[in-house]
Amino acid sequence: MVLFESRNLSYKRYFKSRISLGVAIVIIDIFVAAGRLQYFSYI
C-alpha cells in the first residue's frame, strides 16, 4: 500500500512537470508566432 502511494505521488509529479513543460512550449510558440507576425508586418 505504501509503495502504491509513493508511485501515485511520482505519477502526479510527472504529470505536473509534463503539463508545465507543455504550457512553456505553447507560450514560446505564441511568442515566436507574434515575432514572425511583427517581422512580416515590417516588410
C-alpha atoms as a PDB file:
ATOM      1  CA  MET A   1       0.000   0.000   0.000  1.00  0.00           C
ATOM      2  CA  VAL A   2       2.823   2.395   0.881  1.00  0.00           C
ATOM      3  CA  LEU A   3       4.593   1.537  -2.371  1.00  0.00           C
ATOM      4  CA  PHE A   4       1.417   2.253  -4.322  1.00  0.00           C
ATOM      5  CA  GLU A   5       1.028   5.622  -2.587  1.00  0.00           C
ATOM      6  CA  SER A   6       4.597   6.690  -3.406  1.00  0.00           C
ATOM      7  CA  ARG A   7       4.158   5.547  -7.016  1.00  0.00           C
ATOM      8  CA  ASN A   8       0.951   7.573  -7.234  1.00  0.00           C
ATOM      9  CA  LEU A   9       2.818  10.629  -5.927  1.00  0.00           C
ATOM     10  CA  SER A  10       5.572  10.226  -8.506  1.00  0.00           C
ATOM     11  CA  TYR A  11       2.943   9.921 -11.253  1.00  0.00           C
ATOM     12  CA  LYS A  12       1.321  13.155 -10.080  1.00  0.00           C
ATOM     13  CA  ARG A  13       4.682  14.912 -10.036  1.00  0.00           C
ATOM     14  CA  TYR A  14       5.440  13.546 -13.510  1.00  0.00           C
ATOM     15  CA  PHE A  15       2.147  14.794 -14.921  1.00  0.00           C
ATOM     16  CA  LYS A  16       2.645  18.191 -13.295  1.00  0.00           C
ATOM     17  CA  SER A  17       6.088  18.544 -14.889  1.00  0.00           C
ATOM     18  CA  ARG A  18       4.705  17.395 -18.248  1.00  0.00           C
ATOM     19  CA  ILE A  19       1.862  19.923 -18.090  1.00  0.00           C
ATOM     20  CA  SER A  20       4.191  22.782 -17.125  1.00  0.00           C
ATOM     21  CA  LEU A  21       6.525  21.789 -19.971  1.00  0.00           C
ATOM     22  CA  GLY A  22       3.604  21.802 -22.413  1.00  0.00           C
ATOM     23  CA  VAL A  23       2.493  25.229 -21.195  1.00  0.00           C
ATOM     24  CA  ALA A  24       6.029  26.585 -21.592  1.00  0.00           C
ATOM     25  CA  ILE A  25       6.215  25.227 -25.157  1.00  0.00           C
ATOM     26  CA  VAL A  26       2.847  26.804 -26.024  1.00  0.00           C
ATOM     27  CA  ILE A  27       3.942  30.175 -24.589  1.00  0.00           C
ATOM     28  CA  ILE A  28       7.214  30.050 -26.543  1.00  0.00           C
ATOM     29  CA  ASP A  29       5.261  29.113 -29.680  1.00  0.00           C
ATOM     30  CA  ILE A  30       2.962  32.129 -29.189  1.00  0.00           C
ATOM     31  CA  PHE A  31       5.971  34.450 -28.761  1.00  0.00           C
ATOM     32  CA  VAL A  32       7.627  33.038 -31.886  1.00  0.00           C
ATOM     33  CA  ALA A  33       4.404  33.438 -33.885  1.00  0.00           C
ATOM     34  CA  ALA A  34       3.988  37.031 -32.631  1.00  0.00           C
ATOM     35  CA  GLY A  35       7.604  37.793 -33.541  1.00  0.00           C
ATOM     36  CA  ARG A  36       7.079  36.385 -37.032  1.00  0.00           C
ATOM     37  CA  LEU A  37       3.913  38.450 -37.485  1.00  0.00           C
ATOM     38  CA  GLN A  38       5.740  41.634 -36.451  1.00  0.00           C
ATOM     39  CA  TYR A  39       8.662  40.728 -38.728  1.00  0.00           C
ATOM     40  CA  PHE A  40       6.365  40.222 -41.716  1.00  0.00           C
ATOM     41  CA  SER A  41       4.398  43.385 -40.978  1.00  0.00           C
ATOM     42  CA  TYR A  42       7.657  45.399 -41.148  1.00  0.00           C
ATOM     43  CA  ILE A  43       8.345  44.195 -44.692  1.00  0.00           C
END
